[in-house]
ModelCIF file with pLDDT and N, C-alpha, C, O atoms, coordinates in Angstrom:
data_MODEL
#
_entry.id   MODEL 
#
_entity.id                         1 
_entity.type                       polymer 
_entity.pdbx_number_of_molecules   1 
#
_entity_poly.entity_id                      1 
_entity_poly.type                           'polypeptide(L)' 
_entity_poly.nstd_linkage                   no 
_entity_poly.nstd_monomer                   no 
_entity_poly.pdbx_seq_one_letter_code       RAAARLGERAAAALDAALVTGAALLASEQLG 
_entity_poly.pdbx_seq_one_letter_code_can   RAAARLGERAAAALDAALVTGAALLASEQLG 
_entity_poly.pdbx_strand_id                 A 
#
loop_
_entity_poly_seq.entity_id 
_entity_poly_seq.num 
_entity_poly_seq.mon_id 
_entity_poly_seq.hetero 
1 1  ARG n 
1 2  ALA n 
1 3  ALA n 
1 4  ALA n 
1 5  ARG n 
1 6  LEU n 
1 7  GLY n 
1 8  GLU n 
1 9  ARG n 
1 10 ALA n 
1 11 ALA n 
1 12 ALA n 
1 13 ALA n 
1 14 LEU n 
1 15 ASP n 
1 16 ALA n 
1 17 ALA n 
1 18 LEU n 
1 19 VAL n 
1 20 THR n 
1 21 GLY n 
1 22 ALA n 
1 23 ALA n 
1 24 LEU n 
1 25 LEU n 
1 26 ALA n 
1 27 SER n 
1 28 GLU n 
1 29 GLN n 
1 30 LEU n 
1 31 GLY n 
#
_struct_asym.id          A 
_struct_asym.entity_id   1 
#
loop_
_ma_qa_metric.id 
_ma_qa_metric.mode 
_ma_qa_metric.name 
_ma_qa_metric.software_group_id 
_ma_qa_metric.type 
1 global pLDDT . pLDDT 
2 local  pLDDT . pLDDT 
#
_ma_qa_metric_global.metric_id      1 
_ma_qa_metric_global.metric_value   85.68 
_ma_qa_metric_global.model_id       1 
_ma_qa_metric_global.ordinal_id     1 
#
loop_
_ma_qa_metric_local.label_asym_id 
_ma_qa_metric_local.label_comp_id 
_ma_qa_metric_local.label_seq_id 
_ma_qa_metric_local.metric_id 
_ma_qa_metric_local.metric_value 
_ma_qa_metric_local.model_id 
_ma_qa_metric_local.ordinal_id 
A ARG 1  2 78.00 1 1  
A ALA 2  2 72.00 1 2  
A ALA 3  2 67.00 1 3  
A ALA 4  2 71.00 1 4  
A ARG 5  2 77.00 1 5  
A LEU 6  2 70.00 1 6  
A GLY 7  2 75.00 1 7  
A GLU 8  2 79.00 1 8  
A ARG 9  2 79.00 1 9  
A ALA 10 2 80.00 1 10 
A ALA 11 2 78.00 1 11 
A ALA 12 2 80.00 1 12 
A ALA 13 2 83.00 1 13 
A LEU 14 2 85.00 1 14 
A ASP 15 2 84.00 1 15 
A ALA 16 2 87.00 1 16 
A ALA 17 2 90.00 1 17 
A LEU 18 2 89.00 1 18 
A VAL 19 2 89.00 1 19 
A THR 20 2 93.00 1 20 
A GLY 21 2 94.00 1 21 
A ALA 22 2 93.00 1 22 
A ALA 23 2 95.00 1 23 
A LEU 24 2 95.00 1 24 
A LEU 25 2 95.00 1 25 
A ALA 26 2 96.00 1 26 
A SER 27 2 96.00 1 27 
A GLU 28 2 96.00 1 28 
A GLN 29 2 97.00 1 29 
A LEU 30 2 97.00 1 30 
A GLY 31 2 96.00 1 31 
#
loop_
_atom_site.group_PDB 
_atom_site.id 
_atom_site.type_symbol 
_atom_site.label_atom_id 
_atom_site.label_alt_id 
_atom_site.label_comp_id 
_atom_site.label_asym_id 
_atom_site.label_entity_id 
_atom_site.label_seq_id 
_atom_site.pdbx_PDB_ins_code 
_atom_site.Cartn_x 
_atom_site.Cartn_y 
_atom_site.Cartn_z 
_atom_site.occupancy 
_atom_site.B_iso_or_equiv 
_atom_site.pdbx_formal_charge 
_atom_site.auth_seq_id 
_atom_site.auth_comp_id 
_atom_site.auth_asym_id 
_atom_site.auth_atom_id 
_atom_site.pdbx_PDB_model_num 
ATOM 1   N N  . ARG A 1 1  ? 179.592 86.872 33.484 1.00 78.00 ? 1  ARG A N  1 
ATOM 2   C CA . ARG A 1 1  ? 179.420 85.673 32.652 1.00 78.00 ? 1  ARG A CA 1 
ATOM 3   C C  . ARG A 1 1  ? 177.951 85.290 32.552 1.00 78.00 ? 1  ARG A C  1 
ATOM 4   O O  . ARG A 1 1  ? 177.475 84.907 31.483 1.00 78.00 ? 1  ARG A O  1 
ATOM 5   N N  . ALA A 1 2  ? 177.240 85.394 33.659 1.00 72.00 ? 2  ALA A N  1 
ATOM 6   C CA . ALA A 1 2  ? 175.807 85.078 33.652 1.00 72.00 ? 2  ALA A CA 1 
ATOM 7   C C  . ALA A 1 2  ? 175.050 86.045 32.751 1.00 72.00 ? 2  ALA A C  1 
ATOM 8   O O  . ALA A 1 2  ? 174.153 85.644 32.008 1.00 72.00 ? 2  ALA A O  1 
ATOM 9   N N  . ALA A 1 3  ? 175.414 87.310 32.821 1.00 67.00 ? 3  ALA A N  1 
ATOM 10  C CA . ALA A 1 3  ? 174.767 88.313 31.966 1.00 67.00 ? 3  ALA A CA 1 
ATOM 11  C C  . ALA A 1 3  ? 175.064 88.042 30.492 1.00 67.00 ? 3  ALA A C  1 
ATOM 12  O O  . ALA A 1 3  ? 174.189 88.190 29.638 1.00 67.00 ? 3  ALA A O  1 
ATOM 13  N N  . ALA A 1 4  ? 176.289 87.650 30.206 1.00 71.00 ? 4  ALA A N  1 
ATOM 14  C CA . ALA A 1 4  ? 176.660 87.347 28.817 1.00 71.00 ? 4  ALA A CA 1 
ATOM 15  C C  . ALA A 1 4  ? 175.877 86.145 28.309 1.00 71.00 ? 4  ALA A C  1 
ATOM 16  O O  . ALA A 1 4  ? 175.413 86.144 27.169 1.00 71.00 ? 4  ALA A O  1 
ATOM 17  N N  . ARG A 1 5  ? 175.725 85.112 29.154 1.00 77.00 ? 5  ARG A N  1 
ATOM 18  C CA . ARG A 1 5  ? 174.954 83.931 28.750 1.00 77.00 ? 5  ARG A CA 1 
ATOM 19  C C  . ARG A 1 5  ? 173.490 84.294 28.532 1.00 77.00 ? 5  ARG A C  1 
ATOM 20  O O  . ARG A 1 5  ? 172.862 83.841 27.575 1.00 77.00 ? 5  ARG A O  1 
ATOM 21  N N  . LEU A 1 6  ? 172.953 85.119 29.434 1.00 70.00 ? 6  LEU A N  1 
ATOM 22  C CA . LEU A 1 6  ? 171.568 85.560 29.293 1.00 70.00 ? 6  LEU A CA 1 
ATOM 23  C C  . LEU A 1 6  ? 171.385 86.365 28.007 1.00 70.00 ? 6  LEU A C  1 
ATOM 24  O O  . LEU A 1 6  ? 170.389 86.200 27.303 1.00 70.00 ? 6  LEU A O  1 
ATOM 25  N N  . GLY A 1 7  ? 172.347 87.234 27.705 1.00 75.00 ? 7  GLY A N  1 
ATOM 26  C CA . GLY A 1 7  ? 172.286 88.022 26.472 1.00 75.00 ? 7  GLY A CA 1 
ATOM 27  C C  . GLY A 1 7  ? 172.322 87.143 25.237 1.00 75.00 ? 7  GLY A C  1 
ATOM 28  O O  . GLY A 1 7  ? 171.613 87.401 24.264 1.00 75.00 ? 7  GLY A O  1 
ATOM 29  N N  . GLU A 1 8  ? 173.146 86.104 25.272 1.00 79.00 ? 8  GLU A N  1 
ATOM 30  C CA . GLU A 1 8  ? 173.229 85.181 24.136 1.00 79.00 ? 8  GLU A CA 1 
ATOM 31  C C  . GLU A 1 8  ? 171.917 84.430 23.951 1.00 79.00 ? 8  GLU A C  1 
ATOM 32  O O  . GLU A 1 8  ? 171.446 84.258 22.827 1.00 79.00 ? 8  GLU A O  1 
ATOM 33  N N  . ARG A 1 9  ? 171.327 83.983 25.064 1.00 79.00 ? 9  ARG A N  1 
ATOM 34  C CA . ARG A 1 9  ? 170.046 83.256 24.978 1.00 79.00 ? 9  ARG A CA 1 
ATOM 35  C C  . ARG A 1 9  ? 168.934 84.182 24.490 1.00 79.00 ? 9  ARG A C  1 
ATOM 36  O O  . ARG A 1 9  ? 168.079 83.778 23.702 1.00 79.00 ? 9  ARG A O  1 
ATOM 37  N N  . ALA A 1 10 ? 168.955 85.429 24.967 1.00 80.00 ? 10 ALA A N  1 
ATOM 38  C CA . ALA A 1 10 ? 167.941 86.387 24.531 1.00 80.00 ? 10 ALA A CA 1 
ATOM 39  C C  . ALA A 1 10 ? 168.077 86.671 23.040 1.00 80.00 ? 10 ALA A C  1 
ATOM 40  O O  . ALA A 1 10 ? 167.077 86.755 22.327 1.00 80.00 ? 10 ALA A O  1 
ATOM 41  N N  . ALA A 1 11 ? 169.299 86.816 22.573 1.00 78.00 ? 11 ALA A N  1 
ATOM 42  C CA . ALA A 1 11 ? 169.526 87.065 21.145 1.00 78.00 ? 11 ALA A CA 1 
ATOM 43  C C  . ALA A 1 11 ? 169.072 85.874 20.310 1.00 78.00 ? 11 ALA A C  1 
ATOM 44  O O  . ALA A 1 11 ? 168.482 86.047 19.243 1.00 78.00 ? 11 ALA A O  1 
ATOM 45  N N  . ALA A 1 12 ? 169.348 84.669 20.794 1.00 80.00 ? 12 ALA A N  1 
ATOM 46  C CA . ALA A 1 12 ? 168.913 83.462 20.072 1.00 80.00 ? 12 ALA A CA 1 
ATOM 47  C C  . ALA A 1 12 ? 167.397 83.352 20.058 1.00 80.00 ? 12 ALA A C  1 
ATOM 48  O O  . ALA A 1 12 ? 166.814 82.969 19.044 1.00 80.00 ? 12 ALA A O  1 
ATOM 49  N N  . ALA A 1 13 ? 166.751 83.686 21.174 1.00 83.00 ? 13 ALA A N  1 
ATOM 50  C CA . ALA A 1 13 ? 165.286 83.642 21.244 1.00 83.00 ? 13 ALA A CA 1 
ATOM 51  C C  . ALA A 1 13 ? 164.662 84.680 20.318 1.00 83.00 ? 13 ALA A C  1 
ATOM 52  O O  . ALA A 1 13 ? 163.672 84.397 19.642 1.00 83.00 ? 13 ALA A O  1 
ATOM 53  N N  . LEU A 1 14 ? 165.231 85.869 20.285 1.00 85.00 ? 14 LEU A N  1 
ATOM 54  C CA . LEU A 1 14 ? 164.732 86.913 19.395 1.00 85.00 ? 14 LEU A CA 1 
ATOM 55  C C  . LEU A 1 14 ? 164.898 86.503 17.938 1.00 85.00 ? 14 LEU A C  1 
ATOM 56  O O  . LEU A 1 14 ? 163.991 86.695 17.127 1.00 85.00 ? 14 LEU A O  1 
ATOM 57  N N  . ASP A 1 15 ? 166.049 85.941 17.607 1.00 84.00 ? 15 ASP A N  1 
ATOM 58  C CA . ASP A 1 15 ? 166.297 85.482 16.244 1.00 84.00 ? 15 ASP A CA 1 
ATOM 59  C C  . ASP A 1 15 ? 165.295 84.396 15.842 1.00 84.00 ? 15 ASP A C  1 
ATOM 60  O O  . ASP A 1 15 ? 164.754 84.422 14.736 1.00 84.00 ? 15 ASP A O  1 
ATOM 61  N N  . ALA A 1 16 ? 165.054 83.448 16.738 1.00 87.00 ? 16 ALA A N  1 
ATOM 62  C CA . ALA A 1 16 ? 164.086 82.383 16.457 1.00 87.00 ? 16 ALA A CA 1 
ATOM 63  C C  . ALA A 1 16 ? 162.682 82.957 16.288 1.00 87.00 ? 16 ALA A C  1 
ATOM 64  O O  . ALA A 1 16 ? 161.921 82.492 15.439 1.00 87.00 ? 16 ALA A O  1 
ATOM 65  N N  . ALA A 1 17 ? 162.334 83.961 17.087 1.00 90.00 ? 17 ALA A N  1 
ATOM 66  C CA . ALA A 1 17 ? 161.012 84.587 16.973 1.00 90.00 ? 17 ALA A CA 1 
ATOM 67  C C  . ALA A 1 17 ? 160.856 85.303 15.632 1.00 90.00 ? 17 ALA A C  1 
ATOM 68  O O  . ALA A 1 17 ? 159.790 85.248 15.017 1.00 90.00 ? 17 ALA A O  1 
ATOM 69  N N  . LEU A 1 18 ? 161.909 85.970 15.181 1.00 89.00 ? 18 LEU A N  1 
ATOM 70  C CA . LEU A 1 18 ? 161.841 86.669 13.894 1.00 89.00 ? 18 LEU A CA 1 
ATOM 71  C C  . LEU A 1 18 ? 161.719 85.686 12.733 1.00 89.00 ? 18 LEU A C  1 
ATOM 72  O O  . LEU A 1 18 ? 160.981 85.936 11.780 1.00 89.00 ? 18 LEU A O  1 
ATOM 73  N N  . VAL A 1 19 ? 162.439 84.576 12.811 1.00 89.00 ? 19 VAL A N  1 
ATOM 74  C CA . VAL A 1 19 ? 162.338 83.556 11.764 1.00 89.00 ? 19 VAL A CA 1 
ATOM 75  C C  . VAL A 1 19 ? 160.927 82.961 11.755 1.00 89.00 ? 19 VAL A C  1 
ATOM 76  O O  . VAL A 1 19 ? 160.336 82.778 10.691 1.00 89.00 ? 19 VAL A O  1 
ATOM 77  N N  . THR A 1 20 ? 160.391 82.663 12.937 1.00 93.00 ? 20 THR A N  1 
ATOM 78  C CA . THR A 1 20 ? 159.037 82.113 13.041 1.00 93.00 ? 20 THR A CA 1 
ATOM 79  C C  . THR A 1 20 ? 158.010 83.120 12.523 1.00 93.00 ? 20 THR A C  1 
ATOM 80  O O  . THR A 1 20 ? 157.088 82.759 11.792 1.00 93.00 ? 20 THR A O  1 
ATOM 81  N N  . GLY A 1 21 ? 158.178 84.368 12.904 1.00 94.00 ? 21 GLY A N  1 
ATOM 82  C CA . GLY A 1 21 ? 157.254 85.408 12.434 1.00 94.00 ? 21 GLY A CA 1 
ATOM 83  C C  . GLY A 1 21 ? 157.270 85.548 10.921 1.00 94.00 ? 21 GLY A C  1 
ATOM 84  O O  . GLY A 1 21 ? 156.219 85.686 10.295 1.00 94.00 ? 21 GLY A O  1 
ATOM 85  N N  . ALA A 1 22 ? 158.454 85.513 10.335 1.00 93.00 ? 22 ALA A N  1 
ATOM 86  C CA . ALA A 1 22 ? 158.564 85.628 8.875  1.00 93.00 ? 22 ALA A CA 1 
ATOM 87  C C  . ALA A 1 22 ? 157.904 84.437 8.188  1.00 93.00 ? 22 ALA A C  1 
ATOM 88  O O  . ALA A 1 22 ? 157.234 84.601 7.168  1.00 93.00 ? 22 ALA A O  1 
ATOM 89  N N  . ALA A 1 23 ? 158.088 83.250 8.735  1.00 95.00 ? 23 ALA A N  1 
ATOM 90  C CA . ALA A 1 23 ? 157.476 82.055 8.137  1.00 95.00 ? 23 ALA A CA 1 
ATOM 91  C C  . ALA A 1 23 ? 155.958 82.105 8.246  1.00 95.00 ? 23 ALA A C  1 
ATOM 92  O O  . ALA A 1 23 ? 155.253 81.765 7.295  1.00 95.00 ? 23 ALA A O  1 
ATOM 93  N N  . LEU A 1 24 ? 155.454 82.528 9.397  1.00 95.00 ? 24 LEU A N  1 
ATOM 94  C CA . LEU A 1 24 ? 154.004 82.601 9.576  1.00 95.00 ? 24 LEU A CA 1 
ATOM 95  C C  . LEU A 1 24 ? 153.379 83.722 8.747  1.00 95.00 ? 24 LEU A C  1 
ATOM 96  O O  . LEU A 1 24 ? 152.265 83.583 8.243  1.00 95.00 ? 24 LEU A O  1 
ATOM 97  N N  . LEU A 1 25 ? 154.096 84.820 8.610  1.00 95.00 ? 25 LEU A N  1 
ATOM 98  C CA . LEU A 1 25 ? 153.586 85.917 7.792  1.00 95.00 ? 25 LEU A CA 1 
ATOM 99  C C  . LEU A 1 25 ? 153.446 85.481 6.335  1.00 95.00 ? 25 LEU A C  1 
ATOM 100 O O  . LEU A 1 25 ? 152.546 85.944 5.634  1.00 95.00 ? 25 LEU A O  1 
ATOM 101 N N  . ALA A 1 26 ? 154.321 84.603 5.879  1.00 96.00 ? 26 ALA A N  1 
ATOM 102 C CA . ALA A 1 26 ? 154.210 84.093 4.510  1.00 96.00 ? 26 ALA A CA 1 
ATOM 103 C C  . ALA A 1 26 ? 152.878 83.370 4.310  1.00 96.00 ? 26 ALA A C  1 
ATOM 104 O O  . ALA A 1 26 ? 152.271 83.470 3.244  1.00 96.00 ? 26 ALA A O  1 
ATOM 105 N N  . SER A 1 27 ? 152.425 82.645 5.329  1.00 96.00 ? 27 SER A N  1 
ATOM 106 C CA . SER A 1 27 ? 151.131 81.968 5.228  1.00 96.00 ? 27 SER A CA 1 
ATOM 107 C C  . SER A 1 27 ? 149.990 82.974 5.202  1.00 96.00 ? 27 SER A C  1 
ATOM 108 O O  . SER A 1 27 ? 149.003 82.781 4.491  1.00 96.00 ? 27 SER A O  1 
ATOM 109 N N  . GLU A 1 28 ? 150.121 84.040 5.971  1.00 96.00 ? 28 GLU A N  1 
ATOM 110 C CA . GLU A 1 28 ? 149.095 85.085 5.926  1.00 96.00 ? 28 GLU A CA 1 
ATOM 111 C C  . GLU A 1 28 ? 149.072 85.751 4.549  1.00 96.00 ? 28 GLU A C  1 
ATOM 112 O O  . GLU A 1 28 ? 148.003 86.021 4.000  1.00 96.00 ? 28 GLU A O  1 
ATOM 113 N N  . GLN A 1 29 ? 150.246 86.011 4.001  1.00 97.00 ? 29 GLN A N  1 
ATOM 114 C CA . GLN A 1 29 ? 150.319 86.622 2.678  1.00 97.00 ? 29 GLN A CA 1 
ATOM 115 C C  . GLN A 1 29 ? 149.698 85.703 1.633  1.00 97.00 ? 29 GLN A C  1 
ATOM 116 O O  . GLN A 1 29 ? 149.041 86.170 0.703  1.00 97.00 ? 29 GLN A O  1 
ATOM 117 N N  . LEU A 1 30 ? 149.903 84.412 1.783  1.00 97.00 ? 30 LEU A N  1 
ATOM 118 C CA . LEU A 1 30 ? 149.296 83.453 0.879  1.00 97.00 ? 30 LEU A CA 1 
ATOM 119 C C  . LEU A 1 30 ? 147.776 83.526 0.975  1.00 97.00 ? 30 LEU A C  1 
ATOM 120 O O  . LEU A 1 30 ? 147.093 83.555 -0.048 1.00 97.00 ? 30 LEU A O  1 
ATOM 121 N N  . GLY A 1 31 ? 147.247 83.555 2.182  1.00 96.00 ? 31 GLY A N  1 
ATOM 122 C CA . GLY A 1 31 ? 145.800 83.656 2.364  1.00 96.00 ? 31 GLY A CA 1 
ATOM 123 C C  . GLY A 1 31 ? 145.235 84.936 1.774  1.00 96.00 ? 31 GLY A C  1 
ATOM 124 O O  . GLY A 1 31 ? 144.028 85.169 1.846  1.00 96.00 ? 31 GLY A O  1 
#
């Protein structure tokens, strides 16, 4: 159960990082 919770948190963190990266890359593309 602990491993499953850790996996879920890791997946959520990775997803948030990809969304943040895509948003920031848009600003670089604008520049």
